[in-house]
Every structure is written in C-alpha cells, then in structure tokens.
Amino acid sequence: MKVCGLNIRKIRRSRDLTQEYMAFEMGISQKAYSDIENSKVKINLEILTKISDILDIKPSDICSISHKCGNDASEDKYRSLLEYMKKNNISIPEEFL
C-alpha cells in the first residue's frame, strides 16, 4: 500500500525537510529516497527505523501494523491458502480464521 510512503512525505513536508536532506541522512541517493516515498520499494524495518529516527517519531507513526508497507502479496497468499484448505476439507485452526 502507498499509505506508508504518503505518510513519510506528509511528515517530512510538515517538518520542512527536503528529500535531499532525508537521502543524505540515510546515506542514499535522492532518487532512492524518492522511490521510498512513492512506494516503488518495500519499506523494511531498517528503512522505517532510519526514517523515523531522522523525523524524530515512532515507526508506528509512519506505518502502523494494520497497514502493509509494500505490496499485498502475503495477504493474497494467505487467503489462497485458506481457500485451498476449505476446498479440500483440511481443518483450519480457529486462530487463523
């Protein structure tokens, strides 16, 4: 989802910081940083932590656990697995439903 990248951009702008500044602080190019804000790359914990440190916020202020950073492939795989199990009468533990 683009939620995380959009949140980063919004918070960065509210602090009047440039992409160039963020990229410099992270040790990456401005283009690489732009790709983060535009959700062209998955945001992993390392990236999330670096950005939150620079912005002096908690990582959850950028990307809460309820939002997925990157694509929804794992959620799709989970749903497919559940459908397969139901279709083939394989018991599913209740905590996974």
Protein backbone atom coordinates (compact mmCIF):
# COMPACT_ATOMS: atom_id res chain seq x y z
CA MET A 1 0.00 0.00 0.00
CA LYS A 2 1.05 3.53 -0.60
CA VAL A 3 -0.02 4.60 2.88
CA CYS A 4 3.47 4.39 4.37
CA GLY A 5 5.18 6.37 1.60
CA LEU A 6 2.47 9.01 1.68
CA ASN A 7 2.75 9.30 5.45
CA ILE A 8 6.52 9.75 5.20
CA ARG A 9 6.10 12.51 2.62
CA LYS A 10 3.44 14.26 4.69
CA ILE A 11 5.51 14.18 7.89
CA ARG A 12 8.70 15.22 6.07
CA ARG A 13 6.97 18.20 4.49
CA SER A 14 5.38 19.21 7.78
CA ARG A 15 8.92 19.48 9.19
CA ASP A 16 10.03 21.48 6.14
CA LEU A 17 12.69 18.92 5.19
CA THR A 18 13.75 18.13 1.63
CA GLN A 19 14.15 14.75 0.00
CA GLU A 20 17.81 15.61 -0.48
CA TYR A 21 18.24 16.11 3.26
CA MET A 22 16.50 12.82 4.08
CA ALA A 23 18.57 10.97 1.48
CA PHE A 24 21.81 12.47 2.81
CA GLU A 25 20.95 11.48 6.38
CA MET A 26 20.11 7.94 5.25
CA GLY A 27 23.23 7.62 3.09
CA ILE A 28 21.29 7.02 -0.12
CA SER A 29 20.61 8.98 -3.31
CA GLN A 30 17.70 11.40 -3.61
CA LYS A 31 16.24 9.10 -6.30
CA ALA A 32 16.36 6.11 -3.93
CA TYR A 33 14.66 8.17 -1.25
CA SER A 34 12.02 9.37 -3.73
CA ASP A 35 11.30 5.73 -4.57
CA ILE A 36 10.57 5.10 -0.88
CA GLU A 37 8.04 7.95 -0.71
CA ASN A 38 6.47 6.84 -3.98
CA SER A 39 6.14 3.25 -2.72
CA LYS A 40 8.33 1.88 -5.52
CA VAL A 41 10.31 -0.14 -2.98
CA LYS A 42 9.21 -2.14 0.02
CA ILE A 43 9.80 -0.39 3.30
CA ASN A 44 11.57 -2.78 5.63
CA LEU A 45 12.23 -2.31 9.33
CA GLU A 46 15.70 -0.85 8.74
CA ILE A 47 14.37 1.85 6.41
CA LEU A 48 11.41 2.55 8.67
CA THR A 49 13.70 2.93 11.68
CA LYS A 50 16.14 5.25 9.87
CA ILE A 51 13.34 7.50 8.64
CA SER A 52 11.58 7.61 11.99
CA ASP A 53 14.89 8.48 13.72
CA ILE A 54 15.52 11.36 11.30
CA LEU A 55 11.95 12.63 11.69
CA ASP A 56 12.11 12.05 15.47
CA ILE A 57 8.93 9.99 15.56
CA LYS A 58 7.94 6.40 16.31
CA PRO A 59 7.95 3.95 13.38
CA SER A 60 4.25 3.29 14.08
CA ASP A 61 3.54 6.97 13.30
CA ILE A 62 4.63 6.22 9.74
CA CYS A 63 3.34 2.74 9.15
CA SER A 64 1.16 1.02 11.68
CA ILE A 65 0.96 -2.74 11.86
CA SER A 66 -2.54 -2.60 10.39
CA HIS A 67 -1.11 -1.15 7.16
CA LYS A 68 1.10 -3.12 4.86
CA CYS A 69 4.23 -1.44 3.58
CA GLY A 70 4.89 -2.63 0.07
CA ASN A 71 2.57 -5.00 -1.75
CA ASP A 72 -0.22 -7.23 -0.52
CA ALA A 73 1.24 -10.47 -1.88
CA SER A 74 1.50 -12.16 1.51
CA GLU A 75 -2.14 -11.38 2.30
CA ASP A 76 -3.18 -12.80 -1.07
CA LYS A 77 -1.15 -15.97 -0.43
CA TYR A 78 -2.77 -16.32 3.00
CA ARG A 79 -6.27 -16.03 1.54
CA SER A 80 -5.42 -18.51 -1.21
CA LEU A 81 -4.12 -20.98 1.34
CA LEU A 82 -7.29 -20.68 3.44
CA GLU A 83 -9.48 -21.19 0.37
CA TYR A 84 -7.44 -24.26 -0.61
CA MET A 85 -7.75 -25.73 2.88
CA LYS A 86 -11.52 -25.15 2.97
CA LYS A 87 -11.99 -26.58 -0.51
CA ASN A 88 -10.05 -29.74 0.41
CA ASN A 89 -11.71 -30.15 3.82
CA ILE A 90 -8.47 -29.56 5.70
CA SER A 91 -9.13 -28.43 9.24
CA ILE A 92 -8.09 -24.86 9.95
CA PRO A 93 -7.15 -23.84 13.49
CA GLU A 94 -9.65 -21.29 14.74
CA GLU A 95 -6.96 -18.69 15.49
CA PHE A 96 -6.21 -18.49 11.76
CA LEU A 97 -9.77 -17.64 10.76
